[in-house]
Amino acid sequence: QIVRKFSKNCLLTTEMISSEMLMQNRPE
């Protein structure tokens, strides 16, 4: 959000999401 305050068009990327933990429904 802070980066987007300045750059309106750049591609943003999330932090790394573990496929294993995602499929295990880990809340984090």
PDB file of all heavy atoms in Angstrom:
ATOM      1  N   GLN A   1       0.822  -1.208   0.000  1.00  0.00           N
ATOM      2  CA  GLN A   1       0.000   0.000   0.000  1.00  0.00           C
ATOM      3  C   GLN A   1       0.856   1.259   0.000  1.00  0.00           C
ATOM      4  O   GLN A   1       0.537   2.239  -0.684  1.00  0.00           O
ATOM      5  CB  GLN A   1      -0.918   0.004   1.224  1.00  0.00           C
ATOM      6  CG  GLN A   1      -2.114  -0.922   1.117  1.00  0.00           C
ATOM      7  CD  GLN A   1      -3.153  -0.389   0.133  1.00  0.00           C
ATOM      8  OE1 GLN A   1      -3.744   0.671   0.347  1.00  0.00           O
ATOM      9  NE2 GLN A   1      -3.375  -1.112  -0.938  1.00  0.00           N
ATOM     10  N   ILE A   2       1.952   1.225   0.756  1.00  0.00           N
ATOM     11  CA  ILE A   2       2.820   2.400   0.817  1.00  0.00           C
ATOM     12  C   ILE A   2       3.532   2.605  -0.514  1.00  0.00           C
ATOM     13  O   ILE A   2       3.657   3.735  -1.001  1.00  0.00           O
ATOM     14  CB  ILE A   2       3.817   2.260   1.979  1.00  0.00           C
ATOM     15  CG1 ILE A   2       3.061   2.327   3.314  1.00  0.00           C
ATOM     16  CG2 ILE A   2       4.874   3.364   1.928  1.00  0.00           C
ATOM     17  CD1 ILE A   2       3.913   2.043   4.527  1.00  0.00           C
ATOM     18  N   VAL A   3       3.990   1.521  -1.139  1.00  0.00           N
ATOM     19  CA  VAL A   3       4.625   1.638  -2.455  1.00  0.00           C
ATOM     20  C   VAL A   3       3.627   2.189  -3.467  1.00  0.00           C
ATOM     21  O   VAL A   3       3.958   3.043  -4.299  1.00  0.00           O
ATOM     22  CB  VAL A   3       5.171   0.272  -2.920  1.00  0.00           C
ATOM     23  CG1 VAL A   3       5.631   0.345  -4.378  1.00  0.00           C
ATOM     24  CG2 VAL A   3       6.327  -0.169  -2.037  1.00  0.00           C
ATOM     25  N   ARG A   4       2.378   1.724  -3.376  1.00  0.00           N
ATOM     26  CA  ARG A   4       1.342   2.158  -4.312  1.00  0.00           C
ATOM     27  C   ARG A   4       0.981   3.634  -4.148  1.00  0.00           C
ATOM     28  O   ARG A   4       0.482   4.266  -5.097  1.00  0.00           O
ATOM     29  CB  ARG A   4       0.095   1.279  -4.163  1.00  0.00           C
ATOM     30  CG  ARG A   4      -0.988   1.552  -5.181  1.00  0.00           C
ATOM     31  CD  ARG A   4      -0.490   1.341  -6.621  1.00  0.00           C
ATOM     32  NE  ARG A   4      -0.710  -0.005  -7.095  1.00  0.00           N
ATOM     33  CZ  ARG A   4       0.049  -0.602  -8.000  1.00  0.00           C
ATOM     34  NH1 ARG A   4       1.087   0.034  -8.532  1.00  0.00           N
ATOM     35  NH2 ARG A   4      -0.200  -1.838  -8.397  1.00  0.00           N
ATOM     36  N   LYS A   5       1.226   4.207  -2.994  1.00  0.00           N
ATOM     37  CA  LYS A   5       0.986   5.640  -2.810  1.00  0.00           C
ATOM     38  C   LYS A   5       1.780   6.455  -3.820  1.00  0.00           C
ATOM     39  O   LYS A   5       1.368   7.525  -4.243  1.00  0.00           O
ATOM     40  CB  LYS A   5       1.394   6.085  -1.393  1.00  0.00           C
ATOM     41  CG  LYS A   5       0.493   5.617  -0.258  1.00  0.00           C
ATOM     42  CD  LYS A   5       1.063   6.080   1.071  1.00  0.00           C
ATOM     43  CE  LYS A   5       0.284   5.516   2.257  1.00  0.00           C
ATOM     44  NZ  LYS A   5      -1.067   6.071   2.365  1.00  0.00           N
ATOM     45  N   PHE A   6       2.943   5.930  -4.195  1.00  0.00           N
ATOM     46  CA  PHE A   6       3.847   6.654  -5.085  1.00  0.00           C
ATOM     47  C   PHE A   6       3.771   6.168  -6.529  1.00  0.00           C
ATOM     48  O   PHE A   6       3.780   6.972  -7.452  1.00  0.00           O
ATOM     49  CB  PHE A   6       5.283   6.536  -4.569  1.00  0.00           C
ATOM     50  CG  PHE A   6       5.486   7.117  -3.203  1.00  0.00           C
ATOM     51  CD1 PHE A   6       5.446   6.314  -2.076  1.00  0.00           C
ATOM     52  CD2 PHE A   6       5.699   8.478  -3.046  1.00  0.00           C
ATOM     53  CE1 PHE A   6       5.627   6.849  -0.809  1.00  0.00           C
ATOM     54  CE2 PHE A   6       5.877   9.030  -1.786  1.00  0.00           C
ATOM     55  CZ  PHE A   6       5.840   8.211  -0.653  1.00  0.00           C
ATOM     56  N   SER A   7       3.760   4.871  -6.727  1.00  0.00           N
ATOM     57  CA  SER A   7       3.716   4.312  -8.078  1.00  0.00           C
ATOM     58  C   SER A   7       2.324   3.740  -8.350  1.00  0.00           C
ATOM     59  O   SER A   7       1.906   2.788  -7.699  1.00  0.00           O
ATOM     60  CB  SER A   7       4.758   3.208  -8.248  1.00  0.00           C
ATOM     61  OG  SER A   7       4.624   2.594  -9.512  1.00  0.00           O
ATOM     62  N   LYS A   8       1.636   4.309  -9.298  1.00  0.00           N
ATOM     63  CA  LYS A   8       0.258   3.904  -9.591  1.00  0.00           C
ATOM     64  C   LYS A   8       0.178   2.748 -10.576  1.00  0.00           C
ATOM     65  O   LYS A   8      -0.873   2.100 -10.691  1.00  0.00           O
ATOM     66  CB  LYS A   8      -0.531   5.099 -10.157  1.00  0.00           C
ATOM     67  CG  LYS A   8      -0.521   6.341  -9.267  1.00  0.00           C
ATOM     68  CD  LYS A   8      -1.023   6.039  -7.865  1.00  0.00           C
ATOM     69  CE  LYS A   8      -0.995   7.297  -6.997  1.00  0.00           C
ATOM     70  NZ  LYS A   8      -1.391   7.002  -5.597  1.00  0.00           N
ATOM     71  N   ASN A   9       1.266   2.475 -11.298  1.00  0.00           N
ATOM     72  CA  ASN A   9       1.187   1.500 -12.389  1.00  0.00           C
ATOM     73  C   ASN A   9       2.080   0.275 -12.258  1.00  0.00           C
ATOM     74  O   ASN A   9       1.916  -0.682 -13.003  1.00  0.00           O
ATOM     75  CB  ASN A   9       1.531   2.196 -13.715  1.00  0.00           C
ATOM     76  CG  ASN A   9       0.530   3.277 -14.083  1.00  0.00           C
ATOM     77  OD1 ASN A   9      -0.670   3.080 -13.977  1.00  0.00           O
ATOM     78  ND2 ASN A   9       1.038   4.423 -14.504  1.00  0.00           N
ATOM     79  N   CYS A  10       3.018   0.284 -11.330  1.00  0.00           N
ATOM     80  CA  CYS A  10       3.962  -0.832 -11.263  1.00  0.00           C
ATOM     81  C   CYS A  10       3.255  -2.118 -10.846  1.00  0.00           C
ATOM     82  O   CYS A  10       2.214  -2.098 -10.180  1.00  0.00           O
ATOM     83  CB  CYS A  10       5.102  -0.527 -10.297  1.00  0.00           C
ATOM     84  SG  CYS A  10       4.670  -0.651  -8.546  1.00  0.00           S
ATOM     85  N   LEU A  11       3.831  -3.244 -11.244  1.00  0.00           N
ATOM     86  CA  LEU A  11       3.332  -4.539 -10.816  1.00  0.00           C
ATOM     87  C   LEU A  11       3.795  -4.788  -9.387  1.00  0.00           C
ATOM     88  O   LEU A  11       4.990  -4.729  -9.095  1.00  0.00           O
ATOM     89  CB  LEU A  11       3.875  -5.649 -11.731  1.00  0.00           C
ATOM     90  CG  LEU A  11       3.569  -7.090 -11.316  1.00  0.00           C
ATOM     91  CD1 LEU A  11       2.065  -7.369 -11.395  1.00  0.00           C
ATOM     92  CD2 LEU A  11       4.345  -8.073 -12.193  1.00  0.00           C
ATOM     93  N   LEU A  12       2.857  -5.056  -8.494  1.00  0.00           N
ATOM     94  CA  LEU A  12       3.176  -5.410  -7.115  1.00  0.00           C
ATOM     95  C   LEU A  12       3.120  -6.931  -6.982  1.00  0.00           C
ATOM     96  O   LEU A  12       2.394  -7.594  -7.718  1.00  0.00           O
ATOM     97  CB  LEU A  12       2.179  -4.775  -6.142  1.00  0.00           C
ATOM     98  CG  LEU A  12       2.088  -3.245  -6.138  1.00  0.00           C
ATOM     99  CD1 LEU A  12       1.002  -2.784  -5.172  1.00  0.00           C
ATOM    100  CD2 LEU A  12       3.425  -2.618  -5.764  1.00  0.00           C
ATOM    101  N   THR A  13       3.876  -7.466  -6.030  1.00  0.00           N
ATOM    102  CA  THR A  13       3.880  -8.907  -5.805  1.00  0.00           C
ATOM    103  C   THR A  13       3.783  -9.190  -4.319  1.00  0.00           C
ATOM    104  O   THR A  13       4.424  -8.516  -3.509  1.00  0.00           O
ATOM    105  CB  THR A  13       5.156  -9.559  -6.368  1.00  0.00           C
ATOM    106  OG1 THR A  13       5.372  -9.124  -7.707  1.00  0.00           O
ATOM    107  CG2 THR A  13       5.034 -11.078  -6.355  1.00  0.00           C
ATOM    108  N   THR A  14       2.988 -10.175  -3.964  1.00  0.00           N
ATOM    109  CA  THR A  14       2.836 -10.554  -2.564  1.00  0.00           C
ATOM    110  C   THR A  14       4.115 -11.187  -2.041  1.00  0.00           C
ATOM    111  O   THR A  14       5.015 -11.530  -2.805  1.00  0.00           O
ATOM    112  CB  THR A  14       1.701 -11.576  -2.375  1.00  0.00           C
ATOM    113  OG1 THR A  14       2.085 -12.819  -2.986  1.00  0.00           O
ATOM    114  CG2 THR A  14       0.400 -11.095  -2.981  1.00  0.00           C
ATOM    115  N   GLU A  15       4.163 -11.368  -0.735  1.00  0.00           N
ATOM    116  CA  GLU A  15       5.240 -12.163  -0.164  1.00  0.00           C
ATOM    117  C   GLU A  15       5.009 -13.626  -0.538  1.00  0.00           C
ATOM    118  O   GLU A  15       3.935 -14.007  -1.011  1.00  0.00           O
ATOM    119  CB  GLU A  15       5.279 -11.991   1.351  1.00  0.00           C
ATOM    120  CG  GLU A  15       3.962 -12.295   2.051  1.00  0.00           C
ATOM    121  CD  GLU A  15       3.979 -11.907   3.514  1.00  0.00           C
ATOM    122  OE1 GLU A  15       4.975 -12.204   4.194  1.00  0.00           O
ATOM    123  OE2 GLU A  15       3.001 -11.314   3.980  1.00  0.00           O
ATOM    124  N   MET A  16       6.017 -14.455  -0.367  1.00  0.00           N
ATOM    125  CA  MET A  16       5.958 -15.859  -0.764  1.00  0.00           C
ATOM    126  C   MET A  16       4.884 -16.612   0.016  1.00  0.00           C
ATOM    127  O   MET A  16       4.799 -16.517   1.235  1.00  0.00           O
ATOM    128  CB  MET A  16       7.324 -16.506  -0.538  1.00  0.00           C
ATOM    129  CG  MET A  16       7.448 -17.939  -1.008  1.00  0.00           C
ATOM    130  SD  MET A  16       9.159 -18.523  -0.861  1.00  0.00           S
ATOM    131  CE  MET A  16       9.354 -18.556   0.930  1.00  0.00           C
ATOM    132  N   ILE A  17       4.065 -17.373  -0.711  1.00  0.00           N
ATOM    133  CA  ILE A  17       2.978 -18.162  -0.131  1.00  0.00           C
ATOM    134  C   ILE A  17       3.315 -19.639  -0.331  1.00  0.00           C
ATOM    135  O   ILE A  17       3.521 -20.081  -1.459  1.00  0.00           O
ATOM    136  CB  ILE A  17       1.639 -17.829  -0.803  1.00  0.00           C
ATOM    137  CG1 ILE A  17       1.300 -16.347  -0.627  1.00  0.00           C
ATOM    138  CG2 ILE A  17       0.511 -18.714  -0.260  1.00  0.00           C
ATOM    139  CD1 ILE A  17       0.283 -15.826  -1.617  1.00  0.00           C
ATOM    140  N   SER A  18       3.383 -20.397   0.734  1.00  0.00           N
ATOM    141  CA  SER A  18       3.708 -21.824   0.638  1.00  0.00           C
ATOM    142  C   SER A  18       2.499 -22.609   0.151  1.00  0.00           C
ATOM    143  O   SER A  18       1.419 -22.556   0.763  1.00  0.00           O
ATOM    144  CB  SER A  18       4.141 -22.348   2.010  1.00  0.00           C
ATOM    145  OG  SER A  18       4.142 -23.763   2.033  1.00  0.00           O
ATOM    146  N   SER A  19       2.668 -23.331  -0.952  1.00  0.00           N
ATOM    147  CA  SER A  19       1.558 -24.148  -1.463  1.00  0.00           C
ATOM    148  C   SER A  19       1.177 -25.231  -0.461  1.00  0.00           C
ATOM    149  O   SER A  19       0.004 -25.548  -0.289  1.00  0.00           O
ATOM    150  CB  SER A  19       1.947 -24.776  -2.809  1.00  0.00           C
ATOM    151  OG  SER A  19       3.107 -25.590  -2.683  1.00  0.00           O
ATOM    152  N   GLU A  20       2.177 -25.799   0.212  1.00  0.00           N
ATOM    153  CA  GLU A  20       1.927 -26.850   1.207  1.00  0.00           C
ATOM    154  C   GLU A  20       1.054 -26.313   2.333  1.00  0.00           C
ATOM    155  O   GLU A  20       0.032 -26.917   2.701  1.00  0.00           O
ATOM    156  CB  GLU A  20       3.260 -27.363   1.777  1.00  0.00           C
ATOM    157  CG  GLU A  20       4.136 -28.090   0.780  1.00  0.00           C
ATOM    158  CD  GLU A  20       3.924 -29.593   0.811  1.00  0.00           C
ATOM    159  OE1 GLU A  20       3.061 -30.055   1.573  1.00  0.00           O
ATOM    160  OE2 GLU A  20       4.627 -30.292   0.053  1.00  0.00           O
ATOM    161  N   MET A  21       1.449 -25.183   2.895  1.00  0.00           N
ATOM    162  CA  MET A  21       0.717 -24.626   4.038  1.00  0.00           C
ATOM    163  C   MET A  21      -0.641 -24.076   3.626  1.00  0.00           C
ATOM    164  O   MET A  21      -1.597 -24.111   4.401  1.00  0.00           O
ATOM    165  CB  MET A  21       1.562 -23.571   4.737  1.00  0.00           C
ATOM    166  CG  MET A  21       2.763 -24.158   5.467  1.00  0.00           C
ATOM    167  SD  MET A  21       3.520 -23.041   6.666  1.00  0.00           S
ATOM    168  CE  MET A  21       4.335 -21.880   5.584  1.00  0.00           C
ATOM    169  N   LEU A  22      -0.726 -23.570   2.392  1.00  0.00           N
ATOM    170  CA  LEU A  22      -2.007 -23.078   1.902  1.00  0.00           C
ATOM    171  C   LEU A  22      -3.013 -24.220   1.808  1.00  0.00           C
ATOM    172  O   LEU A  22      -4.169 -24.085   2.237  1.00  0.00           O
ATOM    173  CB  LEU A  22      -1.822 -22.425   0.535  1.00  0.00           C
ATOM    174  CG  LEU A  22      -3.067 -21.766  -0.077  1.00  0.00           C
ATOM    175  CD1 LEU A  22      -3.541 -20.593   0.774  1.00  0.00           C
ATOM    176  CD2 LEU A  22      -2.773 -21.289  -1.497  1.00  0.00           C
ATOM    177  N   MET A  23      -2.561 -25.352   1.270  1.00  0.00           N
ATOM    178  CA  MET A  23      -3.449 -26.491   1.127  1.00  0.00           C
ATOM    179  C   MET A  23      -3.753 -27.168   2.463  1.00  0.00           C
ATOM    180  O   MET A  23      -4.719 -27.922   2.585  1.00  0.00           O
ATOM    181  CB  MET A  23      -2.846 -27.512   0.145  1.00  0.00           C
ATOM    182  CG  MET A  23      -2.642 -26.964  -1.265  1.00  0.00           C
ATOM    183  SD  MET A  23      -4.104 -26.140  -1.938  1.00  0.00           S
ATOM    184  CE  MET A  23      -5.265 -27.506  -2.000  1.00  0.00           C
ATOM    185  N   GLN A  24      -2.937 -26.881   3.476  1.00  0.00           N
ATOM    186  CA  GLN A  24      -3.192 -27.382   4.818  1.00  0.00           C
ATOM    187  C   GLN A  24      -4.091 -26.422   5.606  1.00  0.00           C
ATOM    188  O   GLN A  24      -4.366 -26.637   6.784  1.00  0.00           O
ATOM    189  CB  GLN A  24      -1.877 -27.567   5.576  1.00  0.00           C
ATOM    190  CG  GLN A  24      -0.993 -28.676   5.042  1.00  0.00           C
ATOM    191  CD  GLN A  24       0.394 -28.655   5.673  1.00  0.00           C
ATOM    192  OE1 GLN A  24       0.664 -27.917   6.626  1.00  0.00           O
ATOM    193  NE2 GLN A  24       1.296 -29.456   5.122  1.00  0.00           N
ATOM    194  N   ASN A  25      -4.531 -25.353   4.922  1.00  0.00           N
ATOM    195  CA  ASN A  25      -5.401 -24.345   5.536  1.00  0.00           C
ATOM    196  C   ASN A  25      -4.750 -23.655   6.727  1.00  0.00           C
ATOM    197  O   ASN A  25      -5.434 -23.289   7.696  1.00  0.00           O
ATOM    198  CB  ASN A  25      -6.743 -24.952   5.950  1.00  0.00           C
ATOM    199  CG  ASN A  25      -7.614 -25.280   4.760  1.00  0.00           C
ATOM    200  OD1 ASN A  25      -7.726 -24.485   3.818  1.00  0.00           O
ATOM    201  ND2 ASN A  25      -8.220 -26.456   4.770  1.00  0.00           N
ATOM    202  N   ARG A  26      -3.434 -23.456   6.634  1.00  0.00           N
ATOM    203  CA  ARG A  26      -2.745 -22.726   7.693  1.00  0.00           C
ATOM    204  C   ARG A  26      -3.189 -21.268   7.652  1.00  0.00           C
ATOM    205  O   ARG A  26      -3.133 -20.616   6.591  1.00  0.00           O
ATOM    206  CB  ARG A  26      -1.233 -22.834   7.501  1.00  0.00           C
ATOM    207  CG  ARG A  26      -0.696 -24.251   7.627  1.00  0.00           C
ATOM    208  CD  ARG A  26      -0.546 -24.644   9.075  1.00  0.00           C
ATOM    209  NE  ARG A  26       0.592 -23.975   9.678  1.00  0.00           N
ATOM    210  CZ  ARG A  26       1.840 -24.433   9.626  1.00  0.00           C
ATOM    211  NH1 ARG A  26       2.108 -25.571   8.981  1.00  0.00           N
ATOM    212  NH2 ARG A  26       2.820 -23.772  10.210  1.00  0.00           N
ATOM    213  N   PRO A  27      -3.648 -20.717   8.771  1.00  0.00           N
ATOM    214  CA  PRO A  27      -4.207 -19.356   8.783  1.00  0.00           C
ATOM    215  C   PRO A  27      -3.240 -18.280   8.312  1.00  0.00           C
ATOM    216  O   PRO A  27      -3.648 -17.313   7.666  1.00  0.00           O
ATOM    217  CB  PRO A  27      -4.611 -19.152  10.250  1.00  0.00           C
ATOM    218  CG  PRO A  27      -3.852 -20.182  11.020  1.00  0.00           C
ATOM    219  CD  PRO A  27      -3.714 -21.342  10.098  1.00  0.00           C
ATOM    220  N   GLU A  28      -1.927 -18.451   8.618  1.00  0.00           N
ATOM    221  CA  GLU A  28      -0.971 -17.419   8.225  1.00  0.00           C
ATOM    222  C   GLU A  28      -0.833 -17.315   6.709  1.00  0.00           C
ATOM    223  O   GLU A  28      -0.576 -16.233   6.170  1.00  0.00           O
ATOM    224  CB  GLU A  28       0.395 -17.666   8.866  1.00  0.00           C
ATOM    225  CG  GLU A  28       1.071 -18.981   8.507  1.00  0.00           C
ATOM    226  CD  GLU A  28       0.755 -20.106   9.471  1.00  0.00           C
ATOM    227  OE1 GLU A  28      -0.378 -20.146  10.004  1.00  0.00           O
ATOM    228  OE2 GLU A  28       1.629 -20.959   9.681  1.00  0.00           O
TER     229      GLU A  28
END
